[in-house]
Each structure stands twice: as C-alpha cells, then as structure tokens.
Amino acid sequence: MAPTYHHLSSYLLLIAAVASLISPALSLTCTSQTFSHINTNFTNCTDLPTLKASLHWTYNPTATPTPTLSIAFAAPPPSLEGWVAWALNPTGSGMIGAQSLIAYKDSTNGSIVVKMYNISSYSPIAESKIAYDVLNKSGEYSGGVMRIFATLALPAGDGELNQVWQVGSAVKGGVPAKHDFSPENLSSKTTFNLVSRAARGESPAGTASNGGGGPGRRQSGNSTSSGGNGVLGLYGVLVPLGVAIFGI
C-alpha cells in the first residue's frame, strides 16, 4: 500500500532528526575544512584513509637554512578529553621511532596544547625533543575536530616521508593514555612524496581570513567523493529505519 501523508511526514522528520545528529567532523572533507587561525593557508591537502583524519600541508624546498614543512592535521578525538597525534617517522613505518606532535585540552585552562614526543618504545610516553626542529606549533578545537598546526625544518633531500597519526580517548596526569587497538587505529600510517606532490599540487587546502569584527573563516574547494559516501551511508540507514518504525 502506498505510504500515507502521515507516514511521509514522519519519514521526513526522521531524516531531519538523524541528519542533525551527524557531527560536522564526519561530513567535512579536506577541501571544505576551515581554520580559525588568521592567514592560515596550505598548498595541498589529503583525506587520510583512517580515523576521519586529514592533512593540509605546504612544502618549501627553498627555505633557508633548510626546507620546511608546514602542516595542519585534523581529526575528531573520541572524546573532548581525548587527544590527536601526527608524526613523521624517519626510521620506520609504525609507532616506534615516530617523532610526534600530540594535541589535547589543558586541564588547567581548557586551551588546546601541542607537545612533542619521541616514541622510542611501547612504555608510557614522556614529553621530549624530537628529531626535527619545530619552528612553531599550536592547536585548536571546534566542531568536534581537534587540529595541530606546526612548521618543521626538514633535512635537505627528504623527498619521501613516513607519516603516522592517531587518536585517543583520555589524558591522565598530563600524559596521553593508550589508544584503541582496532584495525583502523593500527593501520593509521602512510608514506607521501613531498617533491612530486609539491610539483603537481593537490587539492587546495582550507584557508582562514580576517573578516569584520574579528577572525573569520572561509571555505575553499569542493567536496570530494568521500562526502557523497556520507550521504549515501545516511540514506542506507534511514530507509530500513523508516521501514522498521513506520512500516513504509
């Protein structure tokens, strides 16, 4: 039997209700993300394959005295009290050897801090210097997403890099607690080639601008295919849900 007007209106209300619960972190792709930092822009961005993370970056091979890599890493932590991390690993492809930047909320004032960790073992980590000179670093949290901004000085000739990223749900005593060991967590690593990507360019990354009355934010680029997958995934949930609840 064809759905009645009552069934149709109820179904539309269900769509609106479920859509309102979706975090912006799930729907944004790297080209549509924005930053609150004034005059922040990057040459390239890429949606990383796990943990709903993305990396925005600019490589400057002509910087002196050494090349520089400026990045904005973004990922939703499992909770507001959690942490996100991005790292380069000059000696391997996994966690051991990762030269890490980890962001989390400071328990004293609520600001987002970014600290450095040289992950040399599976023992509890401690803040330390890393193998790269970090020229600047900062963090922010908005819309369910935590972001790390940093500029690193790289050795000349570092064309291909191993990167690792991670998220965790808690910080205890100022120390990030262990992350989950799900397949997604354990596969959060890739390599990328700075020279070839800088030469051809990737998707323009998010940009921040200063509007009237204070820092403003401007979206850049178009959504990639992953945004469409989110819409299709929502439709796949709503259709059986509507059948189950409303019998349509």
C-alpha atoms as a PDB file:
ATOM      1  CA  MET A   1       0.000   0.000   0.000  1.00  0.00           C
ATOM      2  CA  ALA A   2       1.314   3.481  -0.831  1.00  0.00           C
ATOM      3  CA  PRO A   3       2.551   5.469   2.154  1.00  0.00           C
ATOM      4  CA  THR A   4       0.006   7.876   3.664  1.00  0.00           C
ATOM      5  CA  TYR A   5       0.654  11.579   4.213  1.00  0.00           C
ATOM      6  CA  HIS A   6       1.216  10.810   7.904  1.00  0.00           C
ATOM      7  CA  HIS A   7       3.840   8.197   7.082  1.00  0.00           C
ATOM      8  CA  LEU A   8       5.583  10.539   4.635  1.00  0.00           C
ATOM      9  CA  SER A   9       5.741  13.438   7.080  1.00  0.00           C
ATOM     10  CA  SER A  10       7.041  11.143   9.817  1.00  0.00           C
ATOM     11  CA  TYR A  11       9.746   9.831   7.483  1.00  0.00           C
ATOM     12  CA  LEU A  12      10.862  13.378   6.641  1.00  0.00           C
ATOM     13  CA  LEU A  13      11.038  14.233  10.343  1.00  0.00           C
ATOM     14  CA  LEU A  14      13.200  11.158  10.887  1.00  0.00           C
ATOM     15  CA  ILE A  15      15.599  12.284   8.147  1.00  0.00           C
ATOM     16  CA  ALA A  16      15.890  15.736   9.708  1.00  0.00           C
ATOM     17  CA  ALA A  17      16.433  14.315  13.194  1.00  0.00           C
ATOM     18  CA  VAL A  18      19.163  11.888  12.190  1.00  0.00           C
ATOM     19  CA  ALA A  19      20.894  14.437   9.962  1.00  0.00           C
ATOM     20  CA  SER A  20      21.054  16.875  12.884  1.00  0.00           C
ATOM     21  CA  LEU A  21      22.955  14.287  14.924  1.00  0.00           C
ATOM     22  CA  ILE A  22      25.724  13.861  12.383  1.00  0.00           C
ATOM     23  CA  SER A  23      28.926  15.537  13.534  1.00  0.00           C
ATOM     24  CA  PRO A  24      30.435  18.073  11.123  1.00  0.00           C
ATOM     25  CA  ALA A  25      33.653  16.094  11.525  1.00  0.00           C
ATOM     26  CA  LEU A  26      32.041  13.200   9.636  1.00  0.00           C
ATOM     27  CA  SER A  27      30.888  15.261   6.675  1.00  0.00           C
ATOM     28  CA  LEU A  28      33.812  17.599   6.027  1.00  0.00           C
ATOM     29  CA  THR A  29      36.494  16.666   3.541  1.00  0.00           C
ATOM     30  CA  CYS A  30      39.896  18.316   3.495  1.00  0.00           C
ATOM     31  CA  THR A  31      38.882  20.804   0.814  1.00  0.00           C
ATOM     32  CA  SER A  32      35.887  22.054   2.792  1.00  0.00           C
ATOM     33  CA  GLN A  33      37.533  22.317   6.202  1.00  0.00           C
ATOM     34  CA  THR A  34      38.188  25.741   7.683  1.00  0.00           C
ATOM     35  CA  PHE A  35      40.554  27.122  10.304  1.00  0.00           C
ATOM     36  CA  SER A  36      40.143  29.905  12.839  1.00  0.00           C
ATOM     37  CA  HIS A  37      43.812  30.881  12.523  1.00  0.00           C
ATOM     38  CA  ILE A  38      44.182  34.173  10.657  1.00  0.00           C
ATOM     39  CA  ASN A  39      46.039  33.981   7.325  1.00  0.00           C
ATOM     40  CA  THR A  40      46.408  30.211   7.518  1.00  0.00           C
ATOM     41  CA  ASN A  41      46.520  28.530   4.128  1.00  0.00           C
ATOM     42  CA  PHE A  42      48.188  25.490   2.604  1.00  0.00           C
ATOM     43  CA  THR A  43      49.149  24.381  -0.869  1.00  0.00           C
ATOM     44  CA  ASN A  44      47.884  20.789  -0.576  1.00  0.00           C
ATOM     45  CA  CYS A  45      45.501  18.653   1.410  1.00  0.00           C
ATOM     46  CA  THR A  46      44.587  14.999   1.529  1.00  0.00           C
ATOM     47  CA  ASP A  47      41.947  12.944   3.320  1.00  0.00           C
ATOM     48  CA  LEU A  48      43.814  10.253   5.225  1.00  0.00           C
ATOM     49  CA  PRO A  49      42.424   6.710   4.962  1.00  0.00           C
ATOM     50  CA  THR A  50      41.558   6.136   8.636  1.00  0.00           C
ATOM     51  CA  LEU A  51      40.194   7.840  11.762  1.00  0.00           C
ATOM     52  CA  LYS A  52      38.398  10.524   9.695  1.00  0.00           C
ATOM     53  CA  ALA A  53      41.684  12.432   9.631  1.00  0.00           C
ATOM     54  CA  SER A  54      43.095  14.848   7.093  1.00  0.00           C
ATOM     55  CA  LEU A  55      46.389  16.582   6.468  1.00  0.00           C
ATOM     56  CA  HIS A  56      46.904  20.045   4.994  1.00  0.00           C
ATOM     57  CA  TRP A  57      50.471  20.919   4.098  1.00  0.00           C
ATOM     58  CA  THR A  58      52.903  23.139   2.283  1.00  0.00           C
ATOM     59  CA  TYR A  59      56.456  22.069   1.480  1.00  0.00           C
ATOM     60  CA  ASN A  60      59.042  24.795   0.862  1.00  0.00           C
ATOM     61  CA  PRO A  61      62.204  23.200  -0.549  1.00  0.00           C
ATOM     62  CA  THR A  62      63.927  26.573  -0.992  1.00  0.00           C
ATOM     63  CA  ALA A  63      63.557  27.756   2.604  1.00  0.00           C
ATOM     64  CA  THR A  64      66.834  28.584   4.344  1.00  0.00           C
ATOM     65  CA  PRO A  65      68.764  27.218   6.066  1.00  0.00           C
ATOM     66  CA  THR A  66      66.771  24.005   5.454  1.00  0.00           C
ATOM     67  CA  PRO A  67      63.490  23.073   3.725  1.00  0.00           C
ATOM     68  CA  THR A  68      60.334  23.438   5.782  1.00  0.00           C
ATOM     69  CA  LEU A  69      57.062  21.547   6.023  1.00  0.00           C
ATOM     70  CA  SER A  70      54.031  23.426   7.356  1.00  0.00           C
ATOM     71  CA  ILE A  71      51.077  21.255   8.318  1.00  0.00           C
ATOM     72  CA  ALA A  72      47.582  21.299   9.728  1.00  0.00           C
ATOM     73  CA  PHE A  73      46.479  17.877  10.901  1.00  0.00           C
ATOM     74  CA  ALA A  74      42.798  17.453  11.745  1.00  0.00           C
ATOM     75  CA  ALA A  75      40.927  14.551  13.341  1.00  0.00           C
ATOM     76  CA  PRO A  76      37.981  14.075  15.716  1.00  0.00           C
ATOM     77  CA  PRO A  77      39.154  12.736  19.087  1.00  0.00           C
ATOM     78  CA  PRO A  78      36.972  10.005  20.633  1.00  0.00           C
ATOM     79  CA  SER A  79      36.024  12.494  23.368  1.00  0.00           C
ATOM     80  CA  LEU A  80      36.644  16.136  24.249  1.00  0.00           C
ATOM     81  CA  GLU A  81      39.032  14.877  26.941  1.00  0.00           C
ATOM     82  CA  GLY A  82      40.968  12.887  24.337  1.00  0.00           C
ATOM     83  CA  TRP A  83      43.929  13.597  22.109  1.00  0.00           C
ATOM     84  CA  VAL A  84      45.063  13.524  18.489  1.00  0.00           C
ATOM     85  CA  ALA A  85      48.565  12.940  17.177  1.00  0.00           C
ATOM     86  CA  TRP A  86      50.507  13.338  13.959  1.00  0.00           C
ATOM     87  CA  ALA A  87      54.073  12.207  13.435  1.00  0.00           C
ATOM     88  CA  LEU A  88      56.885  11.676  10.987  1.00  0.00           C
ATOM     89  CA  ASN A  89      58.946   8.528  11.375  1.00  0.00           C
ATOM     90  CA  PRO A  90      62.428   8.785   9.850  1.00  0.00           C
ATOM     91  CA  THR A  91      63.423   5.225  10.818  1.00  0.00           C
ATOM     92  CA  GLY A  92      60.337   3.074  10.229  1.00  0.00           C
ATOM     93  CA  SER A  93      56.701   2.974   9.208  1.00  0.00           C
ATOM     94  CA  GLY A  94      54.981   2.439  12.574  1.00  0.00           C
ATOM     95  CA  MET A  95      54.773   3.944  16.028  1.00  0.00           C
ATOM     96  CA  ILE A  96      58.273   3.109  17.250  1.00  0.00           C
ATOM     97  CA  GLY A  97      60.543   5.895  16.074  1.00  0.00           C
ATOM     98  CA  ALA A  98      57.663   8.315  15.451  1.00  0.00           C
ATOM     99  CA  GLN A  99      58.554  11.959  16.056  1.00  0.00           C
ATOM    100  CA  SER A 100      55.169  13.023  17.315  1.00  0.00           C
ATOM    101  CA  LEU A 101      53.104  16.122  17.881  1.00  0.00           C
ATOM    102  CA  ILE A 102      50.189  15.415  20.231  1.00  0.00           C
ATOM    103  CA  ALA A 103      47.342  17.831  20.938  1.00  0.00           C
ATOM    104  CA  TYR A 104      44.928  17.729  23.864  1.00  0.00           C
ATOM    105  CA  LYS A 105      42.952  20.029  26.142  1.00  0.00           C
ATOM    106  CA  ASP A 106      44.927  21.549  29.006  1.00  0.00           C
ATOM    107  CA  SER A 107      43.192  20.598  32.251  1.00  0.00           C
ATOM    108  CA  THR A 108      44.068  23.910  33.930  1.00  0.00           C
ATOM    109  CA  ASN A 109      42.714  26.441  31.443  1.00  0.00           C
ATOM    110  CA  GLY A 110      40.916  24.419  28.750  1.00  0.00           C
ATOM    111  CA  SER A 111      43.167  25.556  25.903  1.00  0.00           C
ATOM    112  CA  ILE A 112      44.489  23.118  23.298  1.00  0.00           C
ATOM    113  CA  VAL A 113      48.181  22.424  23.798  1.00  0.00           C
ATOM    114  CA  VAL A 114      50.550  20.703  21.376  1.00  0.00           C
ATOM    115  CA  LYS A 115      53.505  18.815  22.826  1.00  0.00           C
ATOM    116  CA  MET A 116      56.386  16.837  21.332  1.00  0.00           C
ATOM    117  CA  TYR A 117      57.135  13.166  21.951  1.00  0.00           C
ATOM    118  CA  ASN A 118      59.866  10.908  20.621  1.00  0.00           C
ATOM    119  CA  ILE A 119      58.145   7.497  20.670  1.00  0.00           C
ATOM    120  CA  SER A 120      61.099   5.184  21.272  1.00  0.00           C
ATOM    121  CA  SER A 121      59.284   2.263  22.933  1.00  0.00           C
ATOM    122  CA  TYR A 122      55.878   0.939  23.949  1.00  0.00           C
ATOM    123  CA  SER A 123      56.426   2.221  27.500  1.00  0.00           C
ATOM    124  CA  PRO A 124      54.423   5.215  28.782  1.00  0.00           C
ATOM    125  CA  ILE A 125      55.472   8.259  26.796  1.00  0.00           C
ATOM    126  CA  ALA A 126      57.115  11.418  28.130  1.00  0.00           C
ATOM    127  CA  GLU A 127      57.407  14.859  26.606  1.00  0.00           C
ATOM    128  CA  SER A 128      60.767  15.262  24.859  1.00  0.00           C
ATOM    129  CA  LYS A 129      62.618  16.856  21.975  1.00  0.00           C
ATOM    130  CA  ILE A 130      62.120  15.265  18.593  1.00  0.00           C
ATOM    131  CA  ALA A 131      64.449  14.720  15.647  1.00  0.00           C
ATOM    132  CA  TYR A 132      63.037  17.683  13.720  1.00  0.00           C
ATOM    133  CA  ASP A 133      63.301  21.343  14.662  1.00  0.00           C
ATOM    134  CA  VAL A 134      59.766  22.550  15.323  1.00  0.00           C
ATOM    135  CA  LEU A 135      59.671  26.218  14.326  1.00  0.00           C
ATOM    136  CA  ASN A 136      56.149  26.803  15.625  1.00  0.00           C
ATOM    137  CA  LYS A 137      53.191  24.790  16.866  1.00  0.00           C
ATOM    138  CA  SER A 138      49.657  25.419  18.105  1.00  0.00           C
ATOM    139  CA  GLY A 139      46.274  23.715  18.329  1.00  0.00           C
ATOM    140  CA  GLU A 140      42.570  24.363  18.215  1.00  0.00           C
ATOM    141  CA  TYR A 141      39.292  22.532  18.742  1.00  0.00           C
ATOM    142  CA  SER A 142      35.950  23.265  17.082  1.00  0.00           C
ATOM    143  CA  GLY A 143      33.062  21.356  15.591  1.00  0.00           C
ATOM    144  CA  GLY A 144      34.190  18.082  17.163  1.00  0.00           C
ATOM    145  CA  VAL A 145      37.586  18.257  15.422  1.00  0.00           C
ATOM    146  CA  MET A 146      40.988  18.839  17.018  1.00  0.00           C
ATOM    147  CA  ARG A 147      43.732  20.383  14.880  1.00  0.00           C
ATOM    148  CA  ILE A 148      47.502  20.582  15.071  1.00  0.00           C
ATOM    149  CA  PHE A 149      49.332  23.403  13.308  1.00  0.00           C
ATOM    150  CA  ALA A 150      53.112  23.235  13.009  1.00  0.00           C
ATOM    151  CA  THR A 151      56.100  24.087  10.863  1.00  0.00           C
ATOM    152  CA  LEU A 152      59.033  21.680  10.855  1.00  0.00           C
ATOM    153  CA  ALA A 153      62.543  22.107   9.489  1.00  0.00           C
ATOM    154  CA  LEU A 154      63.446  19.074   7.378  1.00  0.00           C
ATOM    155  CA  PRO A 155      66.840  17.792   6.252  1.00  0.00           C
ATOM    156  CA  ALA A 156      67.604  18.594   2.651  1.00  0.00           C
ATOM    157  CA  GLY A 157      66.735  15.715   0.337  1.00  0.00           C
ATOM    158  CA  ASP A 158      63.870  14.330   2.442  1.00  0.00           C
ATOM    159  CA  GLY A 159      61.566  13.682  -0.503  1.00  0.00           C
ATOM    160  CA  GLU A 160      59.510  10.762   0.803  1.00  0.00           C
ATOM    161  CA  LEU A 161      58.333  10.595   4.400  1.00  0.00           C
ATOM    162  CA  ASN A 162      56.600   8.059   6.635  1.00  0.00           C
ATOM    163  CA  GLN A 163      53.688   9.614   8.489  1.00  0.00           C
ATOM    164  CA  VAL A 164      51.719   8.188  11.390  1.00  0.00           C
ATOM    165  CA  TRP A 165      48.574   9.568  13.013  1.00  0.00           C
ATOM    166  CA  GLN A 166      46.454   8.513  15.947  1.00  0.00           C
ATOM    167  CA  VAL A 167      43.639   9.452  18.325  1.00  0.00           C
ATOM    168  CA  GLY A 168      42.976   8.535  21.946  1.00  0.00           C
ATOM    169  CA  SER A 169      40.140   8.993  24.393  1.00  0.00           C
ATOM    170  CA  ALA A 170      41.879  10.241  27.551  1.00  0.00           C
ATOM    171  CA  VAL A 171      44.764  12.197  29.022  1.00  0.00           C
ATOM    172  CA  LYS A 172      45.805  11.197  32.543  1.00  0.00           C
ATOM    173  CA  GLY A 173      48.077  13.379  34.617  1.00  0.00           C
ATOM    174  CA  GLY A 174      49.091  15.342  31.566  1.00  0.00           C
ATOM    175  CA  VAL A 175      50.069  12.173  29.689  1.00  0.00           C
ATOM    176  CA  PRO A 176      48.078  10.848  26.698  1.00  0.00           C
ATOM    177  CA  ALA A 177      46.641   7.435  27.581  1.00  0.00           C
ATOM    178  CA  LYS A 178      46.828   4.434  25.252  1.00  0.00           C
ATOM    179  CA  HIS A 179      44.733   4.478  22.124  1.00  0.00           C
ATOM    180  CA  ASP A 180      42.407   1.704  20.965  1.00  0.00           C
ATOM    181  CA  PHE A 181      43.901  -1.204  19.058  1.00  0.00           C
ATOM    182  CA  SER A 182      41.191  -1.522  16.431  1.00  0.00           C
ATOM    183  CA  PRO A 183      42.207  -2.258  12.822  1.00  0.00           C
ATOM    184  CA  GLU A 184      41.621   1.397  11.981  1.00  0.00           C
ATOM    185  CA  ASN A 185      43.979   2.568  14.728  1.00  0.00           C
ATOM    186  CA  LEU A 186      46.641   0.052  13.809  1.00  0.00           C
ATOM    187  CA  SER A 187      46.610   0.967  10.107  1.00  0.00           C
ATOM    188  CA  SER A 188      46.933   4.723  10.572  1.00  0.00           C
ATOM    189  CA  LYS A 189      50.155   5.188   8.627  1.00  0.00           C
ATOM    190  CA  THR A 190      51.181   6.040   5.070  1.00  0.00           C
ATOM    191  CA  THR A 191      54.058   7.434   3.061  1.00  0.00           C
ATOM    192  CA  PHE A 192      53.874  10.515   0.924  1.00  0.00           C
ATOM    193  CA  ASN A 193      56.253  12.138  -1.519  1.00  0.00           C
ATOM    194  CA  LEU A 194      56.823  15.810  -0.815  1.00  0.00           C
ATOM    195  CA  VAL A 195      58.581  16.630  -4.070  1.00  0.00           C
ATOM    196  CA  SER A 196      56.122  15.073  -6.516  1.00  0.00           C
ATOM    197  CA  ARG A 197      53.076  16.436  -4.696  1.00  0.00           C
ATOM    198  CA  ALA A 198      54.564  19.899  -4.384  1.00  0.00           C
ATOM    199  CA  ALA A 199      55.388  19.840  -8.075  1.00  0.00           C
ATOM    200  CA  ARG A 200      51.932  18.904  -9.316  1.00  0.00           C
ATOM    201  CA  GLY A 201      49.841  20.304  -6.446  1.00  0.00           C
ATOM    202  CA  GLU A 202      46.914  18.614  -4.746  1.00  0.00           C
ATOM    203  CA  SER A 203      43.535  19.850  -3.612  1.00  0.00           C
ATOM    204  CA  PRO A 204      43.762  23.447  -2.321  1.00  0.00           C
ATOM    205  CA  ALA A 205      43.557  23.321   1.443  1.00  0.00           C
ATOM    206  CA  GLY A 206      41.394  25.210   3.905  1.00  0.00           C
ATOM    207  CA  THR A 207      42.029  28.931   4.323  1.00  0.00           C
ATOM    208  CA  ALA A 208      41.305  31.366   7.126  1.00  0.00           C
ATOM    209  CA  SER A 209      40.669  35.037   6.566  1.00  0.00           C
ATOM    210  CA  ASN A 210      40.099  38.057   8.792  1.00  0.00           C
ATOM    211  CA  GLY A 211      36.567  39.342   8.417  1.00  0.00           C
ATOM    212  CA  GLY A 212      34.855  42.298  10.033  1.00  0.00           C
ATOM    213  CA  GLY A 213      34.738  42.091  13.813  1.00  0.00           C
ATOM    214  CA  GLY A 214      37.490  39.510  14.274  1.00  0.00           C
ATOM    215  CA  PRO A 215      38.900  36.285  12.851  1.00  0.00           C
ATOM    216  CA  GLY A 216      36.743  34.874  10.122  1.00  0.00           C
ATOM    217  CA  ARG A 217      36.648  31.548   8.311  1.00  0.00           C
ATOM    218  CA  ARG A 218      36.253  30.843   4.627  1.00  0.00           C
ATOM    219  CA  GLN A 219      35.645  27.513   2.977  1.00  0.00           C
ATOM    220  CA  SER A 220      37.726  26.523  -0.016  1.00  0.00           C
ATOM    221  CA  GLY A 221      37.435  23.932  -2.732  1.00  0.00           C
ATOM    222  CA  ASN A 222      34.703  21.447  -3.493  1.00  0.00           C
ATOM    223  CA  SER A 223      33.697  18.329  -1.644  1.00  0.00           C
ATOM    224  CA  THR A 224      35.416  15.126  -2.701  1.00  0.00           C
ATOM    225  CA  SER A 225      33.784  11.750  -3.237  1.00  0.00           C
ATOM    226  CA  SER A 226      34.019  10.863   0.451  1.00  0.00           C
ATOM    227  CA  GLY A 227      31.383  13.494   1.218  1.00  0.00           C
ATOM    228  CA  GLY A 228      28.976  11.785  -1.157  1.00  0.00           C
ATOM    229  CA  ASN A 229      29.628   8.461   0.530  1.00  0.00           C
ATOM    230  CA  GLY A 230      28.427  10.006   3.777  1.00  0.00           C
ATOM    231  CA  VAL A 231      25.120  10.994   2.190  1.00  0.00           C
ATOM    232  CA  LEU A 232      24.636   7.541   0.690  1.00  0.00           C
ATOM    233  CA  GLY A 233      25.501   5.958   4.022  1.00  0.00           C
ATOM    234  CA  LEU A 234      22.867   8.072   5.751  1.00  0.00           C
ATOM    235  CA  TYR A 235      20.282   7.048   3.146  1.00  0.00           C
ATOM    236  CA  GLY A 236      21.190   3.405   3.723  1.00  0.00           C
ATOM    237  CA  VAL A 237      20.498   3.808   7.430  1.00  0.00           C
ATOM    238  CA  LEU A 238      17.308   5.816   7.097  1.00  0.00           C
ATOM    239  CA  VAL A 239      15.493   3.583   4.619  1.00  0.00           C
ATOM    240  CA  PRO A 240      15.441   0.418   6.771  1.00  0.00           C
ATOM    241  CA  LEU A 241      14.892   2.537   9.869  1.00  0.00           C
ATOM    242  CA  GLY A 242      11.845   4.127   8.282  1.00  0.00           C
ATOM    243  CA  VAL A 243      10.511   0.715   7.291  1.00  0.00           C
ATOM    244  CA  ALA A 244      11.030  -0.629  10.782  1.00  0.00           C
ATOM    245  CA  ILE A 245       9.435   2.306  12.579  1.00  0.00           C
ATOM    246  CA  PHE A 246       6.734   3.456  10.207  1.00  0.00           C
ATOM    247  CA  GLY A 247       6.078   0.352   8.089  1.00  0.00           C
ATOM    248  CA  ILE A 248       6.674   2.238   4.824  1.00  0.00           C
END
